[in-house]
Amino acid sequence: MRHARLPFPRLHGLLDDAVPLRTHRFGHGDAAEAATDDAESDVLEAVRERARGVHERLAHDADVFAVELLGATGSGKTALVERLLEGPFAAETVGVVAGDVSGTDDADRYRDHGVAVANVTTGKDCHLDPQRLDAALDGFDLDALDVLFVENVGNMVCPADFPLGAHRRLVVVSPTEGDDVVRKHPLLFQACDAAVINKVDVADAVGAEVDRMAEDVTTVAPDTPTLRTNARTGRGIEDLAALLDAARTDAARHHG
């Protein structure tokens, strides 16, 4: 059986088997750096292995199509998923994992749509990791789900290094972050399968150029498609749904 290709570009993060691990290189000299590199390689393989396990559980054991959304707080990740739940995915059985540092705000919004929700808070950690996602999956009837959305913690740096095992990773940005946000965070765009520029309606008000943002995506991640949306009005939501449907078809073909 062929397994769907996992989107694991640029894995530089560190994760042990229990909690996210952050290392700081205080040592100097080749020996100290070589030892640290070896340790990082071991940890990176642990990340890959755990994410592969999550992917296996979702894609092959339960036949659930999983989408991870990444981006800064306020970029509109929650609003985009809500739009998908209200329209293109209304006939699907959907689950949502809402990742936040604390609180239940996003999870409560999702629950208002009548979908199964797992609220995962990370405390001082700035991203979800495969172990947390794997544990959250225990709260779902996976055999009953068609689609799982995973909203990562609002952050443009840390989550890039920790793929979770989803079929696709989407990065969401908005003009309110400045039209230089893409080139300031190239690794995140290189680690994702598609980019969504949301809140395009406020670009003029904040002095941002959406075309410039889209061009920067092409520069830092040439193979990454870019969509323009306005979650408030629904602009671009059908295009986003079409992209996800195509990705699901591709995943099913590889799975078969």
Protein backbone atom coordinates (compact mmCIF):
# COMPACT_ATOMS: atom_id res chain seq x y z
CA MET A 1 0.00 0.00 0.00
CA ARG A 2 1.38 3.37 -0.97
CA HIS A 3 1.40 5.99 1.72
CA ALA A 4 0.60 9.62 1.03
CA ARG A 5 3.69 11.80 0.88
CA LEU A 6 4.16 13.63 4.15
CA PRO A 7 4.90 17.37 3.91
CA PHE A 8 8.07 17.47 6.00
CA PRO A 9 10.33 20.12 4.46
CA ARG A 10 12.83 21.94 6.65
CA LEU A 11 12.60 20.04 9.89
CA HIS A 12 14.89 21.99 12.20
CA GLY A 13 12.83 21.83 15.40
CA LEU A 14 13.56 19.73 18.41
CA LEU A 15 11.20 17.35 20.18
CA ASP A 16 11.81 14.56 22.62
CA ASP A 17 9.32 11.76 23.23
CA ALA A 18 7.45 13.63 25.93
CA VAL A 19 7.46 17.41 25.48
CA PRO A 20 8.91 19.96 23.08
CA LEU A 21 12.65 20.32 23.64
CA ARG A 22 14.56 23.52 23.04
CA THR A 23 18.33 23.53 23.01
CA HIS A 24 20.66 26.49 23.15
CA ARG A 25 24.22 26.27 21.95
CA PHE A 26 26.33 27.65 24.77
CA GLY A 27 29.35 25.55 23.85
CA HIS A 28 32.08 26.70 21.48
CA GLY A 29 34.26 24.73 19.13
CA ASP A 30 33.76 21.96 16.60
CA ALA A 31 33.35 19.17 19.17
CA ALA A 32 30.55 20.90 21.04
CA GLU A 33 28.73 21.80 17.83
CA ALA A 34 29.09 18.30 16.41
CA ALA A 35 27.66 16.78 19.58
CA THR A 36 24.72 19.17 19.45
CA ASP A 37 24.11 18.36 15.78
CA ASP A 38 24.02 14.65 16.60
CA ALA A 39 21.51 15.26 19.38
CA GLU A 40 19.36 17.36 17.08
CA SER A 41 19.39 14.63 14.44
CA ASP A 42 18.14 12.10 16.98
CA VAL A 43 15.37 14.41 18.13
CA LEU A 44 14.36 15.26 14.56
CA GLU A 45 13.94 11.60 13.80
CA ALA A 46 11.72 11.28 16.87
CA VAL A 47 9.58 14.11 15.48
CA ARG A 48 9.31 12.43 12.11
CA GLU A 49 8.46 9.08 13.63
CA ARG A 50 5.72 10.48 15.85
CA ALA A 51 4.24 12.51 12.99
CA ARG A 52 4.29 9.44 10.75
CA GLY A 53 2.35 7.60 13.42
CA VAL A 54 -0.28 10.34 13.57
CA HIS A 55 -0.55 10.34 9.79
CA GLU A 56 -0.94 6.57 9.76
CA ARG A 57 -3.68 6.77 12.36
CA LEU A 58 -5.62 9.43 10.49
CA ALA A 59 -5.08 8.59 6.84
CA HIS A 60 -4.88 4.83 6.86
CA ASP A 61 -6.56 3.55 10.01
CA ALA A 62 -9.49 5.99 9.99
CA ASP A 63 -9.51 7.41 6.43
CA VAL A 64 -9.72 10.98 7.74
CA PHE A 65 -8.40 13.86 5.64
CA ALA A 66 -6.45 16.21 7.93
CA VAL A 67 -5.55 19.86 7.35
CA GLU A 68 -3.29 21.89 9.63
CA LEU A 69 -3.62 25.68 9.70
CA LEU A 70 -0.70 27.82 10.84
CA GLY A 71 -0.25 31.56 11.19
CA ALA A 72 -0.14 34.45 13.61
CA THR A 73 -2.81 35.20 16.16
CA GLY A 74 -5.43 37.33 14.42
CA SER A 75 -4.69 36.19 10.88
CA GLY A 76 -8.15 34.66 10.63
CA LYS A 77 -7.51 30.91 10.85
CA THR A 78 -10.59 30.29 12.96
CA ALA A 79 -12.82 32.45 10.77
CA LEU A 80 -11.69 30.62 7.63
CA VAL A 81 -12.50 27.23 9.12
CA GLU A 82 -15.86 28.56 10.29
CA ARG A 83 -16.64 29.65 6.73
CA LEU A 84 -15.73 26.20 5.44
CA LEU A 85 -17.96 24.60 8.06
CA GLU A 86 -20.88 26.83 7.11
CA GLY A 87 -20.59 26.28 3.37
CA PRO A 88 -18.40 23.87 1.40
CA PHE A 89 -17.94 21.37 4.24
CA ALA A 90 -21.43 21.64 5.73
CA ALA A 91 -22.32 18.16 4.48
CA GLU A 92 -19.14 16.60 5.86
CA THR A 93 -18.60 15.12 9.30
CA VAL A 94 -15.86 17.38 10.60
CA GLY A 95 -13.71 17.48 13.72
CA VAL A 96 -11.53 20.36 14.86
CA VAL A 97 -8.49 20.49 17.11
CA ALA A 98 -8.13 24.03 18.46
CA GLY A 99 -4.61 24.74 19.65
CA ASP A 100 -4.00 27.74 21.90
CA VAL A 101 -1.59 28.77 24.62
CA SER A 102 -4.58 29.07 26.95
CA GLY A 103 -8.32 29.55 26.95
CA THR A 104 -11.25 28.05 25.07
CA ASP A 105 -12.26 30.97 22.83
CA ASP A 106 -11.59 29.31 19.48
CA ALA A 107 -12.85 25.93 20.65
CA ASP A 108 -16.11 27.53 21.80
CA ARG A 109 -16.58 29.16 18.40
CA TYR A 110 -16.15 25.81 16.69
CA ARG A 111 -18.57 24.11 19.07
CA ASP A 112 -21.21 26.63 18.07
CA HIS A 113 -21.11 25.00 14.63
CA GLY A 114 -22.03 21.62 16.07
CA VAL A 115 -18.77 19.87 15.25
CA ALA A 116 -16.64 17.68 17.50
CA VAL A 117 -13.87 19.76 19.07
CA ALA A 118 -10.74 19.06 21.09
CA ASN A 119 -9.31 22.10 22.87
CA VAL A 120 -5.55 21.71 23.33
CA THR A 121 -3.71 24.30 25.42
CA THR A 122 0.07 24.36 25.40
CA GLY A 123 0.91 26.64 28.30
CA LYS A 124 4.35 28.12 27.70
CA ASP A 125 4.92 26.15 24.50
CA CYS A 126 4.38 28.08 21.29
CA HIS A 127 3.13 25.25 19.07
CA LEU A 128 1.37 21.92 18.96
CA ASP A 129 3.42 18.76 18.56
CA PRO A 130 2.60 15.27 17.26
CA GLN A 131 2.26 13.82 20.75
CA ARG A 132 -0.33 16.39 21.81
CA LEU A 133 -2.26 15.84 18.60
CA ASP A 134 -2.14 12.08 19.00
CA ALA A 135 -3.57 12.41 22.52
CA ALA A 136 -6.28 14.80 21.30
CA LEU A 137 -7.39 12.28 18.69
CA ASP A 138 -8.47 9.94 21.49
CA GLY A 139 -11.40 12.27 22.10
CA PHE A 140 -12.85 11.79 18.60
CA ASP A 141 -14.78 8.99 16.97
CA LEU A 142 -12.32 8.94 14.09
CA ASP A 143 -14.24 6.31 12.15
CA ALA A 144 -17.15 8.77 11.93
CA LEU A 145 -15.08 11.72 10.67
CA ASP A 146 -14.49 12.75 7.09
CA VAL A 147 -12.25 15.75 7.73
CA LEU A 148 -10.15 17.04 10.63
CA PHE A 149 -8.98 20.64 10.86
CA VAL A 150 -6.06 21.30 13.20
CA GLU A 151 -5.59 24.94 14.12
CA ASN A 152 -2.10 25.37 15.50
CA VAL A 153 -1.12 27.93 18.12
CA GLY A 154 -0.87 31.46 16.71
CA ASN A 155 2.81 31.80 15.87
CA MET A 156 4.84 32.41 12.71
CA VAL A 157 8.07 30.78 13.85
CA CYS A 158 7.88 27.72 16.10
CA PRO A 159 5.19 25.61 14.38
CA ALA A 160 7.12 25.48 11.11
CA ASP A 161 9.56 23.01 12.62
CA PHE A 162 6.97 20.63 14.03
CA PRO A 163 4.83 18.93 11.34
CA LEU A 164 1.97 17.04 12.92
CA GLY A 165 1.19 14.42 10.30
CA ALA A 166 -1.67 16.18 8.50
CA HIS A 167 -2.16 15.67 4.78
CA ARG A 168 -1.76 19.38 4.10
CA ARG A 169 -0.41 22.41 5.94
CA LEU A 170 -1.85 25.86 5.19
CA VAL A 171 -0.25 29.09 6.35
CA VAL A 172 -2.63 32.02 6.84
CA VAL A 173 -1.44 35.63 6.89
CA SER A 174 -3.17 38.99 6.69
CA PRO A 175 -2.23 42.52 5.58
CA THR A 176 -2.51 43.67 9.20
CA GLU A 177 0.80 41.89 9.82
CA GLY A 178 2.52 44.08 7.21
CA ASP A 179 3.16 43.26 3.59
CA ASP A 180 6.70 42.16 4.47
CA VAL A 181 5.45 39.32 6.68
CA VAL A 182 6.16 36.65 4.07
CA ARG A 183 9.82 37.41 3.51
CA LYS A 184 10.33 37.82 7.25
CA HIS A 185 9.14 34.24 7.81
CA PRO A 186 10.32 32.26 4.76
CA LEU A 187 10.69 28.93 6.57
CA LEU A 188 7.01 28.77 7.47
CA PHE A 189 5.98 29.23 3.85
CA GLN A 190 8.52 26.67 2.69
CA ALA A 191 7.14 24.21 5.25
CA CYS A 192 3.54 24.57 4.07
CA ASP A 193 1.62 23.32 1.05
CA ALA A 194 -0.43 26.46 0.38
CA ALA A 195 -0.61 30.08 1.52
CA VAL A 196 -3.77 32.04 2.24
CA ILE A 197 -3.72 35.84 2.34
CA ASN A 198 -6.81 36.61 4.40
CA LYS A 199 -8.49 39.92 5.26
CA VAL A 200 -7.62 41.33 1.83
CA ASP A 201 -10.35 43.93 2.31
CA VAL A 202 -8.32 45.82 4.93
CA ALA A 203 -5.11 46.07 2.89
CA ASP A 204 -5.64 49.68 1.81
CA ALA A 205 -6.59 50.74 5.32
CA VAL A 206 -3.33 49.43 6.77
CA GLY A 207 -1.16 50.48 3.84
CA ALA A 208 -0.28 46.95 2.71
CA GLU A 209 0.03 45.62 -0.83
CA VAL A 210 -1.52 42.18 -1.29
CA ASP A 211 0.19 41.73 -4.66
CA ARG A 212 3.54 42.24 -2.95
CA MET A 213 2.70 39.59 -0.37
CA ALA A 214 1.72 37.13 -3.09
CA GLU A 215 4.90 37.86 -5.03
CA ASP A 216 6.96 37.22 -1.91
CA VAL A 217 5.34 33.80 -1.50
CA THR A 218 6.39 32.97 -5.06
CA THR A 219 9.92 34.12 -4.26
CA VAL A 220 10.46 32.22 -1.01
CA ALA A 221 8.35 29.15 -1.90
CA PRO A 222 7.95 28.96 -5.70
CA ASP A 223 5.80 25.82 -5.71
CA THR A 224 3.35 27.06 -3.07
CA PRO A 225 -0.07 28.15 -4.39
CA THR A 226 -1.46 31.37 -2.93
CA LEU A 227 -5.12 32.19 -2.34
CA ARG A 228 -6.72 35.51 -1.43
CA THR A 229 -9.66 35.45 0.95
CA ASN A 230 -11.95 37.54 3.08
CA ALA A 231 -13.50 35.31 5.72
CA ARG A 232 -16.02 37.99 6.67
CA THR A 233 -17.59 38.18 3.21
CA GLY A 234 -16.77 34.69 2.00
CA ARG A 235 -14.49 35.85 -0.80
CA GLY A 236 -12.15 33.07 -1.90
CA ILE A 237 -13.73 30.41 0.32
CA GLU A 238 -14.90 28.35 -2.65
CA ASP A 239 -11.36 28.50 -4.08
CA LEU A 240 -9.98 27.30 -0.76
CA ALA A 241 -12.50 24.48 -0.64
CA ALA A 242 -11.58 23.47 -4.19
CA LEU A 243 -7.90 23.37 -3.26
CA LEU A 244 -8.64 21.14 -0.28
CA ASP A 245 -10.90 18.87 -2.35
CA ALA A 246 -8.12 18.43 -4.91
CA ALA A 247 -5.67 17.65 -2.12
CA ARG A 248 -8.06 15.08 -0.68
CA THR A 249 -8.44 13.42 -4.08
CA ASP A 250 -4.67 13.33 -4.46
CA ALA A 251 -4.25 11.83 -0.99
CA ALA A 252 -6.86 9.16 -1.72
CA ARG A 253 -5.11 8.26 -4.97
CA HIS A 254 -1.79 7.82 -3.19
CA HIS A 255 -3.45 5.88 -0.40
CA GLY A 256 -5.06 3.55 -2.90
